C-alpha atoms as a PDB file:
ATOM      1  CA  ARG A   1     -56.987  -9.344  50.353  1.00  0.00           C
ATOM      2  CA  GLY A   2     -57.033  -9.267  54.139  1.00  0.00           C
ATOM      3  CA  TYR A   3     -57.497 -13.079  54.281  1.00  0.00           C
ATOM      4  CA  GLY A   4     -54.784 -13.910  51.931  1.00  0.00           C
ATOM      5  CA  LEU A   5     -52.379 -11.822  54.209  1.00  0.00           C
ATOM      6  CA  LEU A   6     -53.462 -13.470  57.292  1.00  0.00           C
ATOM      7  CA  TRP A   7     -53.066 -16.648  55.533  1.00  0.00           C
ATOM      8  CA  LEU A   8     -49.498 -15.693  54.614  1.00  0.00           C
ATOM      9  CA  VAL A   9     -48.807 -14.872  58.175  1.00  0.00           C
ATOM     10  CA  CYS A  10     -50.214 -17.968  59.484  1.00  0.00           C
ATOM     11  CA  LEU A  11     -48.179 -20.082  56.949  1.00  0.00           C
ATOM     12  CA  PHE A  12     -45.017 -18.333  57.811  1.00  0.00           C
ATOM     13  CA  LEU A  13     -45.653 -18.623  61.625  1.00  0.00           C
ATOM     14  CA  SER A  14     -46.611 -22.441  61.166  1.00  0.00           C
ATOM     15  CA  ASN A  15     -43.495 -23.079  59.038  1.00  0.00           C
ATOM     16  CA  PHE A  16     -41.110 -21.320  61.348  1.00  0.00           C
ATOM     17  CA  LEU A  17     -42.684 -23.123  64.429  1.00  0.00           C
ATOM     18  CA  PHE A  18     -42.617 -26.581  62.496  1.00  0.00           C
ATOM     19  CA  LEU A  19     -38.850 -25.804  61.346  1.00  0.00           C
ATOM     20  CA  ASN A  20     -37.766 -24.831  65.233  1.00  0.00           C
ATOM     21  CA  LEU A  21     -39.672 -28.131  66.274  1.00  0.00           C
ATOM     22  CA  ILE A  22     -37.475 -30.311  63.891  1.00  0.00           C
ATOM     23  CA  LEU A  23     -34.222 -28.417  64.696  1.00  0.00           C
ATOM     24  CA  ALA A  24     -34.678 -28.869  68.204  1.00  0.00           C
ATOM     25  CA  MET A  25     -35.514 -32.660  67.849  1.00  0.00           C
ATOM     26  CA  VAL A  26     -32.215 -33.028  65.753  1.00  0.00           C
ATOM     27  CA  PHE A  27     -30.078 -31.017  68.211  1.00  0.00           C
ATOM     28  CA  GLU A  28     -31.333 -33.146  71.140  1.00  0.00           C
ATOM     29  CA  THR A  29     -30.453 -36.317  69.140  1.00  0.00           C
ATOM     30  CA  TYR A  30     -27.078 -35.158  68.284  1.00  0.00           C
ATOM     31  CA  SER A  31     -26.479 -34.020  71.752  1.00  0.00           C
ATOM     32  CA  LYS A  32     -27.548 -37.517  73.423  1.00  0.00           C
ATOM     33  CA  LYS A  33     -25.227 -39.246  70.790  1.00  0.00           C
ATOM     34  CA  PHE A  34     -22.419 -36.710  71.542  1.00  0.00           C
ATOM     35  CA  SER A  35     -22.689 -37.159  75.237  1.00  0.00           C
ATOM     36  CA  LYS A  36     -22.632 -40.843  74.779  1.00  0.00           C
ATOM     37  CA  THR A  37     -19.484 -40.971  72.634  1.00  0.00           C
ATOM     38  CA  MET A  38     -17.576 -38.632  74.832  1.00  0.00           C
ATOM     39  CA  LYS A  39     -18.278 -40.861  78.082  1.00  0.00           C
ATOM     40  CA  GLU A  40     -17.314 -43.740  75.971  1.00  0.00           C
ATOM     41  CA  ILE A  41     -14.031 -41.951  74.857  1.00  0.00           C
ATOM     42  CA  PHE A  42     -13.012 -40.937  78.677  1.00  0.00           C
ATOM     43  CA  ALA A  43     -13.776 -44.533  79.798  1.00  0.00           C
ATOM     44  CA  ASN A  44     -11.457 -45.636  77.110  1.00  0.00           C
ATOM     45  CA  ARG A  45      -8.967 -43.461  77.868  1.00  0.00           C
ATOM     46  CA  GLU A  46      -9.268 -44.279  81.764  1.00  0.00           C
ATOM     47  CA  ARG A  47      -8.946 -47.889  80.892  1.00  0.00           C
ATOM     48  CA  SER A  48      -5.911 -47.517  78.755  1.00  0.00           C
ATOM     49  CA  ILE A  49      -4.167 -45.246  81.293  1.00  0.00           C
ATOM     50  CA  GLN A  50      -4.649 -47.943  83.638  1.00  0.00           C
ATOM     51  CA  GLN A  51      -3.318 -50.635  81.402  1.00  0.00           C
ATOM     52  CA  VAL A  52      -0.209 -48.695  80.541  1.00  0.00           C
ATOM     53  CA  TYR A  53       0.330 -48.159  84.284  1.00  0.00           C
ATOM     54  CA  GLN A  54      -0.029 -51.939  84.814  1.00  0.00           C
ATOM     55  CA  ILE A  55       2.508 -52.533  81.775  1.00  0.00           C
ATOM     56  CA  LEU A  56       4.997 -50.135  83.046  1.00  0.00           C
ATOM     57  CA  ASP A  57       4.579 -51.267  86.618  1.00  0.00           C
ATOM     58  CA  ASP A  58       5.149 -54.945  85.620  1.00  0.00           C
ATOM     59  CA  TRP A  59       8.420 -53.855  83.542  1.00  0.00           C
ATOM     60  CA  SER A  60      10.129 -53.161  86.538  1.00  0.00           C
ATOM     61  CA  PRO A  61       8.913 -56.089  88.979  1.00  0.00           C
ATOM     62  CA  ASP A  62      11.615 -55.142  91.624  1.00  0.00           C
ATOM     63  CA  ASP A  63      10.199 -51.620  92.240  1.00  0.00           C
ATOM     64  CA  PRO A  64       6.512 -50.896  92.764  1.00  0.00           C
ATOM     65  CA  GLY A  65       4.900 -48.309  90.590  1.00  0.00           C
ATOM     66  CA  VAL A  66       6.748 -46.500  87.790  1.00  0.00           C
ATOM     67  CA  THR A  67      10.332 -45.605  88.630  1.00  0.00           C
ATOM     68  CA  GLU A  68      12.309 -42.408  87.369  1.00  0.00           C
ATOM     69  CA  ASP A  69      14.232 -44.616  85.068  1.00  0.00           C
ATOM     70  CA  THR A  70      11.242 -46.138  83.427  1.00  0.00           C
ATOM     71  CA  PHE A  71       9.364 -42.744  83.194  1.00  0.00           C
ATOM     72  CA  LYS A  72      12.554 -41.461  81.440  1.00  0.00           C
ATOM     73  CA  LYS A  73      12.490 -44.148  79.001  1.00  0.00           C
ATOM     74  CA  LEU A  74       8.660 -43.689  78.509  1.00  0.00           C
ATOM     75  CA  THR A  75       8.909 -39.580  77.813  1.00  0.00           C
ATOM     76  CA  GLN A  76      11.880 -40.373  75.411  1.00  0.00           C
ATOM     77  CA  ALA A  77       9.962 -42.723  73.265  1.00  0.00           C
ATOM     78  CA  TYR A  78       6.995 -40.287  73.577  1.00  0.00           C
ATOM     79  CA  SER A  79       9.276 -37.377  72.240  1.00  0.00           C
ATOM     80  CA  GLU A  80      10.172 -39.296  69.195  1.00  0.00           C
ATOM     81  CA  SER A  81       6.418 -39.073  67.948  1.00  0.00           C
ATOM     82  CA  ALA A  82       6.121 -36.445  65.100  1.00  0.00           C
ATOM     83  CA  MET A  83       3.330 -34.815  67.335  1.00  0.00           C
ATOM     84  CA  ALA A  84       4.894 -34.751  70.603  1.00  0.00           C
ATOM     85  CA  PRO A  85       6.938 -32.028  71.984  1.00  0.00           C
ATOM     86  CA  THR A  86      10.720 -32.908  72.667  1.00  0.00           C
ATOM     87  CA  LEU A  87      11.387 -32.935  76.582  1.00  0.00           C
ATOM     88  CA  GLN A  88      14.803 -31.933  77.840  1.00  0.00           C
ATOM     89  CA  PRO A  89      15.998 -34.398  80.422  1.00  0.00           C
ATOM     90  CA  GLN A  90      15.970 -31.653  83.298  1.00  0.00           C
ATOM     91  CA  ASP A  91      12.127 -31.335  82.342  1.00  0.00           C
ATOM     92  CA  VAL A  92      11.565 -35.052  82.622  1.00  0.00           C
ATOM     93  CA  GLN A  93      13.223 -35.037  86.025  1.00  0.00           C
ATOM     94  CA  TYR A  94      11.443 -31.993  87.319  1.00  0.00           C
ATOM     95  CA  ILE A  95       7.879 -33.531  86.039  1.00  0.00           C
ATOM     96  CA  PHE A  96       8.647 -36.657  87.745  1.00  0.00           C
ATOM     97  CA  LEU A  97       9.689 -35.054  91.133  1.00  0.00           C
ATOM     98  CA  HIS A  98       6.674 -33.112  90.781  1.00  0.00           C
ATOM     99  CA  LEU A  99       4.385 -36.045  90.421  1.00  0.00           C
ATOM    100  CA  ASP A 100       6.303 -38.131  92.944  1.00  0.00           C
ATOM    101  CA  LYS A 101       4.535 -36.602  95.995  1.00  0.00           C
ATOM    102  CA  ASP A 102       5.442 -39.346  98.561  1.00  0.00           C
ATOM    103  CA  ARG A 103       9.060 -39.320  97.312  1.00  0.00           C
ATOM    104  CA  THR A 104       9.526 -42.895  97.014  1.00  0.00           C
ATOM    105  CA  GLY A 105      11.468 -42.666  93.711  1.00  0.00           C
ATOM    106  CA  SER A 106       8.517 -44.069  91.775  1.00  0.00           C
ATOM    107  CA  LEU A 107       4.940 -43.102  90.622  1.00  0.00           C
ATOM    108  CA  ASP A 108       1.955 -44.821  92.116  1.00  0.00           C
ATOM    109  CA  GLU A 109      -1.117 -44.926  89.617  1.00  0.00           C
ATOM    110  CA  GLU A 110      -2.523 -41.666  90.907  1.00  0.00           C
ATOM    111  CA  GLY A 111       0.736 -39.823  90.120  1.00  0.00           C
ATOM    112  CA  PHE A 112       0.949 -41.700  86.898  1.00  0.00           C
ATOM    113  CA  LYS A 113      -2.564 -40.764  85.997  1.00  0.00           C
ATOM    114  CA  GLY A 114      -1.368 -36.916  86.743  1.00  0.00           C
ATOM    115  CA  VAL A 115       1.061 -37.104  84.045  1.00  0.00           C
ATOM    116  CA  ALA A 116      -1.070 -39.269  81.559  1.00  0.00           C
ATOM    117  CA  GLN A 117      -4.184 -36.918  81.432  1.00  0.00           C
END
């Protein structure tokens, strides 16, 4: 009877340790895959923001950067999306003035990244 109880305790401990080992391996694999996926998402996001900036910058070739008028058109188109909040014109102007740190009347790439992120 004593050996049976000892055998049961050993069986329980070995199963517990084995299952913890499996769980640790699964979690490590998941963490690595999740980390890789998140890095790819942020890299794609960064590239997309740069591409949008280039498109908007090329849209008004006379002015370098994203002008206030272009920014207003962008936010108006964005506000038409079902998931986006509606921005009032005074809010758009305030955001633009806040992001235009050098007061040139256009956003450079860093200023545009500030609103895009």
